[in-house]
Amino acid sequence: MSRTEAKISLRVYPNAARSEVIGFTDGVLRVRVAAPPVKGEANKELIAFLSKVLAVGKGTLTIVKGHTSRSKVIAIDGLSQEDIMKRLSLII
C-alpha cells in the first residue's frame, strides 16, 4: 500500500498581526503566524493555520526540519505536491 506524502519548504515570520500566507517565492512558501517563537507556540500556530488552509487534519502535518528555525520543511500526509499547489493557488 503506497502512501502519499509531499513536502513543502516554508519561511515563517512569527509575531505577525494575523496568520496568513504571504506568497510563494523560489519554491518556498512564505507564511506569517500570529504567535511568538516561544516554547513552540509559532510551530503550533503554523500547523493549525496550514491545516485550515490546506483543509487537512492537524495530524497529517509534520515539521520534518527546522523546529527552531524560520526556514522549515513540512511533510503533509495524504496529499501530493500537485494537490498542495492547487489548494495554495486558491489563496495566494
PDB file of N, CA and C in Angstrom:
ATOM      1  N   MET A   1       0.844  -1.184   0.000  1.00  0.00           N
ATOM      2  CA  MET A   1       0.000   0.000   0.000  1.00  0.00           C
ATOM      3  C   MET A   1       0.894   1.253   0.000  1.00  0.00           C
ATOM      4  N   SER A   2       0.705   2.092  -0.980  1.00  0.00           N
ATOM      5  CA  SER A   2       1.558   3.283  -1.061  1.00  0.00           C
ATOM      6  C   SER A   2       0.884   4.465  -0.380  1.00  0.00           C
ATOM      7  N   ARG A   3       1.688   5.213   0.323  1.00  0.00           N
ATOM      8  CA  ARG A   3       1.186   6.417   0.981  1.00  0.00           C
ATOM      9  C   ARG A   3       1.696   7.624   0.226  1.00  0.00           C
ATOM     10  N   THR A   4       0.851   8.621   0.153  1.00  0.00           N
ATOM     11  CA  THR A   4       1.261   9.862  -0.488  1.00  0.00           C
ATOM     12  C   THR A   4       1.724  10.817   0.591  1.00  0.00           C
ATOM     13  N   GLU A   5       2.906  11.352   0.398  1.00  0.00           N
ATOM     14  CA  GLU A   5       3.395  12.357   1.332  1.00  0.00           C
ATOM     15  C   GLU A   5       4.176  13.383   0.525  1.00  0.00           C
ATOM     16  N   ALA A   6       3.805  14.625   0.699  1.00  0.00           N
ATOM     17  CA  ALA A   6       4.506  15.693  -0.007  1.00  0.00           C
ATOM     18  C   ALA A   6       5.197  16.566   1.021  1.00  0.00           C
ATOM     19  N   LYS A   7       6.272  17.200   0.597  1.00  0.00           N
ATOM     20  CA  LYS A   7       6.985  18.106   1.481  1.00  0.00           C
ATOM     21  C   LYS A   7       7.011  19.495   0.870  1.00  0.00           C
ATOM     22  N   ILE A   8       6.853  20.494   1.720  1.00  0.00           N
ATOM     23  CA  ILE A   8       6.971  21.871   1.244  1.00  0.00           C
ATOM     24  C   ILE A   8       7.952  22.627   2.144  1.00  0.00           C
ATOM     25  N   SER A   9       8.691  23.512   1.509  1.00  0.00           N
ATOM     26  CA  SER A   9       9.625  24.373   2.246  1.00  0.00           C
ATOM     27  C   SER A   9       8.906  25.655   2.607  1.00  0.00           C
ATOM     28  N   LEU A  10       9.153  26.112   3.827  1.00  0.00           N
ATOM     29  CA  LEU A  10       8.487  27.309   4.320  1.00  0.00           C
ATOM     30  C   LEU A  10       9.487  28.287   4.885  1.00  0.00           C
ATOM     31  N   ARG A  11       9.118  29.540   4.840  1.00  0.00           N
ATOM     32  CA  ARG A  11       9.830  30.581   5.584  1.00  0.00           C
ATOM     33  C   ARG A  11       8.766  31.192   6.492  1.00  0.00           C
ATOM     34  N   VAL A  12       8.975  31.111   7.788  1.00  0.00           N
ATOM     35  CA  VAL A  12       7.957  31.527   8.752  1.00  0.00           C
ATOM     36  C   VAL A  12       8.348  32.854   9.392  1.00  0.00           C
ATOM     37  N   TYR A  13       7.367  33.743   9.487  1.00  0.00           N
ATOM     38  CA  TYR A  13       7.561  35.046  10.120  1.00  0.00           C
ATOM     39  C   TYR A  13       6.648  35.114  11.341  1.00  0.00           C
ATOM     40  N   PRO A  14       7.196  34.875  12.550  1.00  0.00           N
ATOM     41  CA  PRO A  14       6.359  34.879  13.759  1.00  0.00           C
ATOM     42  C   PRO A  14       6.005  36.293  14.208  1.00  0.00           C
ATOM     43  N   ASN A  15       5.136  36.363  15.212  1.00  0.00           N
ATOM     44  CA  ASN A  15       4.711  37.640  15.813  1.00  0.00           C
ATOM     45  C   ASN A  15       3.965  38.553  14.851  1.00  0.00           C
ATOM     46  N   ALA A  16       3.266  37.995  13.890  1.00  0.00           N
ATOM     47  CA  ALA A  16       2.502  38.802  12.937  1.00  0.00           C
ATOM     48  C   ALA A  16       1.172  39.207  13.574  1.00  0.00           C
ATOM     49  N   ALA A  17       0.527  40.193  12.989  1.00  0.00           N
ATOM     50  CA  ALA A  17      -0.780  40.632  13.481  1.00  0.00           C
ATOM     51  C   ALA A  17      -1.810  39.523  13.288  1.00  0.00           C
ATOM     52  N   ARG A  18      -1.667  38.772  12.202  1.00  0.00           N
ATOM     53  CA  ARG A  18      -2.563  37.634  11.948  1.00  0.00           C
ATOM     54  C   ARG A  18      -1.821  36.598  11.119  1.00  0.00           C
ATOM     55  N   SER A  19      -2.311  35.381  11.157  1.00  0.00           N
ATOM     56  CA  SER A  19      -1.688  34.311  10.371  1.00  0.00           C
ATOM     57  C   SER A  19      -2.173  34.412   8.933  1.00  0.00           C
ATOM     58  N   GLU A  20      -1.232  34.378   8.001  1.00  0.00           N
ATOM     59  CA  GLU A  20      -1.597  34.459   6.583  1.00  0.00           C
ATOM     60  C   GLU A  20      -0.455  33.965   5.713  1.00  0.00           C
ATOM     61  N   VAL A  21      -0.825  33.511   4.524  1.00  0.00           N
ATOM     62  CA  VAL A  21       0.169  33.137   3.517  1.00  0.00           C
ATOM     63  C   VAL A  21       0.504  34.410   2.766  1.00  0.00           C
ATOM     64  N   ILE A  22       1.805  34.735   2.667  1.00  0.00           N
ATOM     65  CA  ILE A  22       2.152  35.991   2.004  1.00  0.00           C
ATOM     66  C   ILE A  22       2.771  35.788   0.619  1.00  0.00           C
ATOM     67  N   GLY A  23       2.990  34.547   0.236  1.00  0.00           N
ATOM     68  CA  GLY A  23       3.487  34.344  -1.113  1.00  0.00           C
ATOM     69  C   GLY A  23       4.289  33.072  -1.269  1.00  0.00           C
ATOM     70  N   PHE A  24       4.695  32.857  -2.497  1.00  0.00           N
ATOM     71  CA  PHE A  24       5.460  31.673  -2.851  1.00  0.00           C
ATOM     72  C   PHE A  24       6.614  32.165  -3.704  1.00  0.00           C
ATOM     73  N   THR A  25       7.829  32.090  -3.179  1.00  0.00           N
ATOM     74  CA  THR A  25       8.996  32.612  -3.888  1.00  0.00           C
ATOM     75  C   THR A  25      10.072  31.553  -3.988  1.00  0.00           C
ATOM     76  N   ASP A  26      10.563  31.302  -5.182  1.00  0.00           N
ATOM     77  CA  ASP A  26      11.643  30.338  -5.406  1.00  0.00           C
ATOM     78  C   ASP A  26      11.374  28.992  -4.736  1.00  0.00           C
ATOM     79  N   GLY A  27      10.133  28.518  -4.823  1.00  0.00           N
ATOM     80  CA  GLY A  27       9.799  27.216  -4.264  1.00  0.00           C
ATOM     81  C   GLY A  27       9.614  27.208  -2.757  1.00  0.00           C
ATOM     82  N   VAL A  28       9.621  28.377  -2.136  1.00  0.00           N
ATOM     83  CA  VAL A  28       9.457  28.469  -0.678  1.00  0.00           C
ATOM     84  C   VAL A  28       8.174  29.238  -0.366  1.00  0.00           C
ATOM     85  N   LEU A  29       7.307  28.614   0.418  1.00  0.00           N
ATOM     86  CA  LEU A  29       6.062  29.246   0.827  1.00  0.00           C
ATOM     87  C   LEU A  29       6.362  30.156   2.009  1.00  0.00           C
ATOM     88  N   ARG A  30       5.941  31.417   1.909  1.00  0.00           N
ATOM     89  CA  ARG A  30       6.189  32.377   2.996  1.00  0.00           C
ATOM     90  C   ARG A  30       4.889  32.567   3.778  1.00  0.00           C
ATOM     91  N   VAL A  31       4.987  32.358   5.090  1.00  0.00           N
ATOM     92  CA  VAL A  31       3.806  32.380   5.946  1.00  0.00           C
ATOM     93  C   VAL A  31       4.067  33.240   7.179  1.00  0.00           C
ATOM     94  N   ARG A  32       3.097  34.109   7.496  1.00  0.00           N
ATOM     95  CA  ARG A  32       3.149  34.856   8.756  1.00  0.00           C
ATOM     96  C   ARG A  32       2.296  34.102   9.762  1.00  0.00           C
ATOM     97  N   VAL A  33       2.768  34.021  11.004  1.00  0.00           N
ATOM     98  CA  VAL A  33       1.951  33.403  12.049  1.00  0.00           C
ATOM     99  C   VAL A  33       1.784  34.364  13.216  1.00  0.00           C
ATOM    100  N   ALA A  34       0.577  34.356  13.772  1.00  0.00           N
ATOM    101  CA  ALA A  34       0.234  35.269  14.872  1.00  0.00           C
ATOM    102  C   ALA A  34       0.563  34.623  16.210  1.00  0.00           C
ATOM    103  N   ALA A  35       1.811  34.237  16.370  1.00  0.00           N
ATOM    104  CA  ALA A  35       2.257  33.651  17.636  1.00  0.00           C
ATOM    105  C   ALA A  35       3.746  33.935  17.776  1.00  0.00           C
ATOM    106  N   PRO A  36       4.204  34.086  19.010  1.00  0.00           N
ATOM    107  CA  PRO A  36       5.637  34.339  19.217  1.00  0.00           C
ATOM    108  C   PRO A  36       6.448  33.049  19.094  1.00  0.00           C
ATOM    109  N   PRO A  37       7.717  33.163  18.740  1.00  0.00           N
ATOM    110  CA  PRO A  37       8.561  31.961  18.616  1.00  0.00           C
ATOM    111  C   PRO A  37       9.075  31.512  19.994  1.00  0.00           C
ATOM    112  N   VAL A  38       8.142  31.250  20.904  1.00  0.00           N
ATOM    113  CA  VAL A  38       8.486  30.875  22.274  1.00  0.00           C
ATOM    114  C   VAL A  38       7.818  29.550  22.619  1.00  0.00           C
ATOM    115  N   LYS A  39       8.575  28.623  23.137  1.00  0.00           N
ATOM    116  CA  LYS A  39       8.053  27.315  23.584  1.00  0.00           C
ATOM    117  C   LYS A  39       7.204  26.617  22.528  1.00  0.00           C
ATOM    118  N   GLY A  40       7.576  26.745  21.275  1.00  0.00           N
ATOM    119  CA  GLY A  40       6.861  26.051  20.202  1.00  0.00           C
ATOM    120  C   GLY A  40       5.528  26.659  19.813  1.00  0.00           C
ATOM    121  N   GLU A  41       5.213  27.837  20.349  1.00  0.00           N
ATOM    122  CA  GLU A  41       3.918  28.467  20.042  1.00  0.00           C
ATOM    123  C   GLU A  41       3.759  28.755  18.547  1.00  0.00           C
ATOM    124  N   ALA A  42       4.809  29.300  17.924  1.00  0.00           N
ATOM    125  CA  ALA A  42       4.720  29.622  16.489  1.00  0.00           C
ATOM    126  C   ALA A  42       4.552  28.341  15.669  1.00  0.00           C
ATOM    127  N   ASN A  43       5.233  27.265  16.063  1.00  0.00           N
ATOM    128  CA  ASN A  43       5.088  25.990  15.348  1.00  0.00           C
ATOM    129  C   ASN A  43       3.667  25.452  15.463  1.00  0.00           C
ATOM    130  N   LYS A  44       3.081  25.529  16.662  1.00  0.00           N
ATOM    131  CA  LYS A  44       1.699  25.066  16.860  1.00  0.00           C
ATOM    132  C   LYS A  44       0.737  25.876  16.010  1.00  0.00           C
ATOM    133  N   GLU A  45       0.922  27.183  16.017  1.00  0.00           N
ATOM    134  CA  GLU A  45       0.065  28.072  15.222  1.00  0.00           C
ATOM    135  C   GLU A  45       0.232  27.774  13.732  1.00  0.00           C
ATOM    136  N   LEU A  46       1.471  27.534  13.305  1.00  0.00           N
ATOM    137  CA  LEU A  46       1.743  27.217  11.896  1.00  0.00           C
ATOM    138  C   LEU A  46       0.998  25.951  11.469  1.00  0.00           C
ATOM    139  N   ILE A  47       1.085  24.901  12.281  1.00  0.00           N
ATOM    140  CA  ILE A  47       0.401  23.637  11.959  1.00  0.00           C
ATOM    141  C   ILE A  47      -1.111  23.847  11.914  1.00  0.00           C
ATOM    142  N   ALA A  48      -1.645  24.559  12.901  1.00  0.00           N
ATOM    143  CA  ALA A  48      -3.099  24.813  12.938  1.00  0.00           C
ATOM    144  C   ALA A  48      -3.531  25.625  11.716  1.00  0.00           C
ATOM    145  N   PHE A  49      -2.759  26.652  11.387  1.00  0.00           N
ATOM    146  CA  PHE A  49      -3.087  27.516  10.245  1.00  0.00           C
ATOM    147  C   PHE A  49      -3.010  26.746   8.928  1.00  0.00           C
ATOM    148  N   LEU A  50      -1.917  25.993   8.729  1.00  0.00           N
ATOM    149  CA  LEU A  50      -1.773  25.235   7.475  1.00  0.00           C
ATOM    150  C   LEU A  50      -2.842  24.153   7.334  1.00  0.00           C
ATOM    151  N   SER A  51      -3.236  23.546   8.442  1.00  0.00           N
ATOM    152  CA  SER A  51      -4.270  22.513   8.343  1.00  0.00           C
ATOM    153  C   SER A  51      -5.584  23.127   7.859  1.00  0.00           C
ATOM    154  N   LYS A  52      -5.856  24.364   8.293  1.00  0.00           N
ATOM    155  CA  LYS A  52      -7.053  25.068   7.856  1.00  0.00           C
ATOM    156  C   LYS A  52      -6.948  25.432   6.373  1.00  0.00           C
ATOM    157  N   VAL A  53      -5.803  26.011   6.004  1.00  0.00           N
ATOM    158  CA  VAL A  53      -5.578  26.464   4.623  1.00  0.00           C
ATOM    159  C   VAL A  53      -5.639  25.300   3.634  1.00  0.00           C
ATOM    160  N   LEU A  54      -5.021  24.173   3.996  1.00  0.00           N
ATOM    161  CA  LEU A  54      -4.959  23.021   3.093  1.00  0.00           C
ATOM    162  C   LEU A  54      -6.142  22.068   3.267  1.00  0.00           C
ATOM    163  N   ALA A  55      -7.016  22.364   4.227  1.00  0.00           N
ATOM    164  CA  ALA A  55      -8.203  21.537   4.504  1.00  0.00           C
ATOM    165  C   ALA A  55      -7.817  20.090   4.818  1.00  0.00           C
ATOM    166  N   VAL A  56      -6.850  19.946   5.727  1.00  0.00           N
ATOM    167  CA  VAL A  56      -6.431  18.615   6.196  1.00  0.00           C
ATOM    168  C   VAL A  56      -6.397  18.648   7.725  1.00  0.00           C
ATOM    169  N   GLY A  57      -6.362  17.471   8.329  1.00  0.00           N
ATOM    170  CA  GLY A  57      -6.272  17.402   9.788  1.00  0.00           C
ATOM    171  C   GLY A  57      -4.878  17.789  10.259  1.00  0.00           C
ATOM    172  N   LYS A  58      -4.801  18.324  11.476  1.00  0.00           N
ATOM    173  CA  LYS A  58      -3.504  18.732  12.030  1.00  0.00           C
ATOM    174  C   LYS A  58      -2.534  17.561  12.113  1.00  0.00           C
ATOM    175  N   GLY A  59      -3.068  16.362  12.312  1.00  0.00           N
ATOM    176  CA  GLY A  59      -2.236  15.166  12.442  1.00  0.00           C
ATOM    177  C   GLY A  59      -1.522  14.766  11.162  1.00  0.00           C
ATOM    178  N   THR A  60      -1.961  15.303  10.033  1.00  0.00           N
ATOM    179  CA  THR A  60      -1.325  14.947   8.760  1.00  0.00           C
ATOM    180  C   THR A  60      -0.110  15.824   8.466  1.00  0.00           C
ATOM    181  N   LEU A  61       0.086  16.879   9.277  1.00  0.00           N
ATOM    182  CA  LEU A  61       1.201  17.801   9.067  1.00  0.00           C
ATOM    183  C   LEU A  61       2.308  17.530  10.079  1.00  0.00           C
ATOM    184  N   THR A  62       3.533  17.454   9.600  1.00  0.00           N
ATOM    185  CA  THR A  62       4.679  17.213  10.476  1.00  0.00           C
ATOM    186  C   THR A  62       5.818  18.141  10.089  1.00  0.00           C
ATOM    187  N   ILE A  63       6.417  18.781  11.073  1.00  0.00           N
ATOM    188  CA  ILE A  63       7.620  19.576  10.804  1.00  0.00           C
ATOM    189  C   ILE A  63       8.780  18.590  10.780  1.00  0.00           C
ATOM    190  N   VAL A  64       9.386  18.405   9.606  1.00  0.00           N
ATOM    191  CA  VAL A  64      10.474  17.430   9.490  1.00  0.00           C
ATOM    192  C   VAL A  64      11.846  18.081   9.604  1.00  0.00           C
ATOM    193  N   LYS A  65      11.892  19.392   9.437  1.00  0.00           N
ATOM    194  CA  LYS A  65      13.169  20.087   9.509  1.00  0.00           C
ATOM    195  C   LYS A  65      12.930  21.532   9.923  1.00  0.00           C
ATOM    196  N   GLY A  66      13.765  22.037  10.824  1.00  0.00           N
ATOM    197  CA  GLY A  66      13.701  23.448  11.169  1.00  0.00           C
ATOM    198  C   GLY A  66      12.813  23.804  12.340  1.00  0.00           C
ATOM    199  N   HIS A  67      12.724  22.919  13.336  1.00  0.00           N
ATOM    200  CA  HIS A  67      11.873  23.200  14.505  1.00  0.00           C
ATOM    201  C   HIS A  67      12.188  24.541  15.164  1.00  0.00           C
ATOM    202  N   THR A  68      13.464  24.927  15.191  1.00  0.00           N
ATOM    203  CA  THR A  68      13.833  26.173  15.866  1.00  0.00           C
ATOM    204  C   THR A  68      14.313  27.241  14.888  1.00  0.00           C
ATOM    205  N   SER A  69      14.005  27.038  13.626  1.00  0.00           N
ATOM    206  CA  SER A  69      14.455  27.960  12.585  1.00  0.00           C
ATOM    207  C   SER A  69      13.244  28.578  11.892  1.00  0.00           C
ATOM    208  N   ARG A  70      13.458  29.707  11.237  1.00  0.00           N
ATOM    209  CA  ARG A  70      12.362  30.282  10.440  1.00  0.00           C
ATOM    210  C   ARG A  70      12.173  29.512   9.142  1.00  0.00           C
ATOM    211  N   SER A  71      13.236  28.854   8.686  1.00  0.00           N
ATOM    212  CA  SER A  71      13.135  28.027   7.481  1.00  0.00           C
ATOM    213  C   SER A  71      12.769  26.611   7.921  1.00  0.00           C
ATOM    214  N   LYS A  72      11.667  26.108   7.395  1.00  0.00           N
ATOM    215  CA  LYS A  72      11.173  24.798   7.809  1.00  0.00           C
ATOM    216  C   LYS A  72      10.818  23.951   6.602  1.00  0.00           C
ATOM    217  N   VAL A  73      10.763  22.643   6.824  1.00  0.00           N
ATOM    218  CA  VAL A  73      10.218  21.726   5.832  1.00  0.00           C
ATOM    219  C   VAL A  73       9.080  20.997   6.529  1.00  0.00           C
ATOM    220  N   ILE A  74       7.916  21.024   5.892  1.00  0.00           N
ATOM    221  CA  ILE A  74       6.725  20.386   6.448  1.00  0.00           C
ATOM    222  C   ILE A  74       6.328  19.234   5.533  1.00  0.00           C
ATOM    223  N   ALA A  75       6.016  18.084   6.144  1.00  0.00           N
ATOM    224  CA  ALA A  75       5.505  16.938   5.378  1.00  0.00           C
ATOM    225  C   ALA A  75       3.995  16.899   5.569  1.00  0.00           C
ATOM    226  N   ILE A  76       3.280  16.674   4.476  1.00  0.00           N
ATOM    227  CA  ILE A  76       1.828  16.573   4.525  1.00  0.00           C
ATOM    228  C   ILE A  76       1.451  15.184   4.038  1.00  0.00           C
ATOM    229  N   ASP A  77       0.865  14.426   4.932  1.00  0.00           N
ATOM    230  CA  ASP A  77       0.488  13.049   4.633  1.00  0.00           C
ATOM    231  C   ASP A  77      -0.838  13.019   3.886  1.00  0.00           C
ATOM    232  N   GLY A  78      -0.913  12.248   2.824  1.00  0.00           N
ATOM    233  CA  GLY A  78      -2.170  12.067   2.109  1.00  0.00           C
ATOM    234  C   GLY A  78      -2.413  13.031   0.963  1.00  0.00           C
ATOM    235  N   LEU A  79      -1.517  14.001   0.776  1.00  0.00           N
ATOM    236  CA  LEU A  79      -1.656  14.930  -0.349  1.00  0.00           C
ATOM    237  C   LEU A  79      -0.426  14.829  -1.240  1.00  0.00           C
ATOM    238  N   SER A  80      -0.641  14.982  -2.529  1.00  0.00           N
ATOM    239  CA  SER A  80       0.502  15.024  -3.449  1.00  0.00           C
ATOM    240  C   SER A  80       0.964  16.477  -3.557  1.00  0.00           C
ATOM    241  N   GLN A  81       2.140  16.656  -4.115  1.00  0.00           N
ATOM    242  CA  GLN A  81       2.675  18.005  -4.321  1.00  0.00           C
ATOM    243  C   GLN A  81       1.685  18.818  -5.172  1.00  0.00           C
ATOM    244  N   GLU A  82       1.099  18.145  -6.148  1.00  0.00           N
ATOM    245  CA  GLU A  82       0.136  18.801  -7.049  1.00  0.00           C
ATOM    246  C   GLU A  82      -1.104  19.279  -6.285  1.00  0.00           C
ATOM    247  N   ASP A  83      -1.615  18.426  -5.377  1.00  0.00           N
ATOM    248  CA  ASP A  83      -2.781  18.790  -4.557  1.00  0.00           C
ATOM    249  C   ASP A  83      -2.483  20.031  -3.727  1.00  0.00           C
ATOM    250  N   ILE A  84      -1.300  20.048  -3.127  1.00  0.00           N
ATOM    251  CA  ILE A  84      -0.916  21.177  -2.277  1.00  0.00           C
ATOM    252  C   ILE A  84      -0.866  22.458  -3.098  1.00  0.00           C
ATOM    253  N   MET A  85      -0.230  22.397  -4.263  1.00  0.00           N
ATOM    254  CA  MET A  85      -0.107  23.580  -5.111  1.00  0.00           C
ATOM    255  C   MET A  85      -1.487  24.079  -5.550  1.00  0.00           C
ATOM    256  N   LYS A  86      -2.398  23.158  -5.872  1.00  0.00           N
ATOM    257  CA  LYS A  86      -3.748  23.552  -6.267  1.00  0.00           C
ATOM    258  C   LYS A  86      -4.440  24.281  -5.129  1.00  0.00           C
ATOM    259  N   ARG A  87      -4.348  23.722  -3.921  1.00  0.00           N
ATOM    260  CA  ARG A  87      -5.010  24.341  -2.759  1.00  0.00           C
ATOM    261  C   ARG A  87      -4.387  25.681  -2.411  1.00  0.00           C
ATOM    262  N   LEU A  88      -3.078  25.763  -2.525  1.00  0.00           N
ATOM    263  CA  LEU A  88      -2.413  27.032  -2.212  1.00  0.00           C
ATOM    264  C   LEU A  88      -2.697  28.104  -3.270  1.00  0.00           C
ATOM    265  N   SER A  89      -2.851  27.668  -4.515  1.00  0.00           N
ATOM    266  CA  SER A  89      -3.095  28.650  -5.591  1.00  0.00           C
ATOM    267  C   SER A  89      -4.432  29.359  -5.394  1.00  0.00           C
ATOM    268  N   LEU A  90      -5.331  28.750  -4.632  1.00  0.00           N
ATOM    269  CA  LEU A  90      -6.631  29.381  -4.363  1.00  0.00           C
ATOM    270  C   LEU A  90      -6.508  30.550  -3.399  1.00  0.00           C
ATOM    271  N   ILE A  91      -5.440  30.573  -2.603  1.00  0.00           N
ATOM    272  CA  ILE A  91      -5.323  31.633  -1.596  1.00  0.00           C
ATOM    273  C   ILE A  91      -4.181  32.613  -1.833  1.00  0.00           C
ATOM    274  N   ILE A  92      -3.300  32.283  -2.750  1.00  0.00           N
ATOM    275  CA  ILE A  92      -2.155  33.176  -2.986  1.00  0.00           C
ATOM    276  C   ILE A  92      -2.526  34.200  -4.048  1.00  0.00           C
TER     277      ILE A  92
END
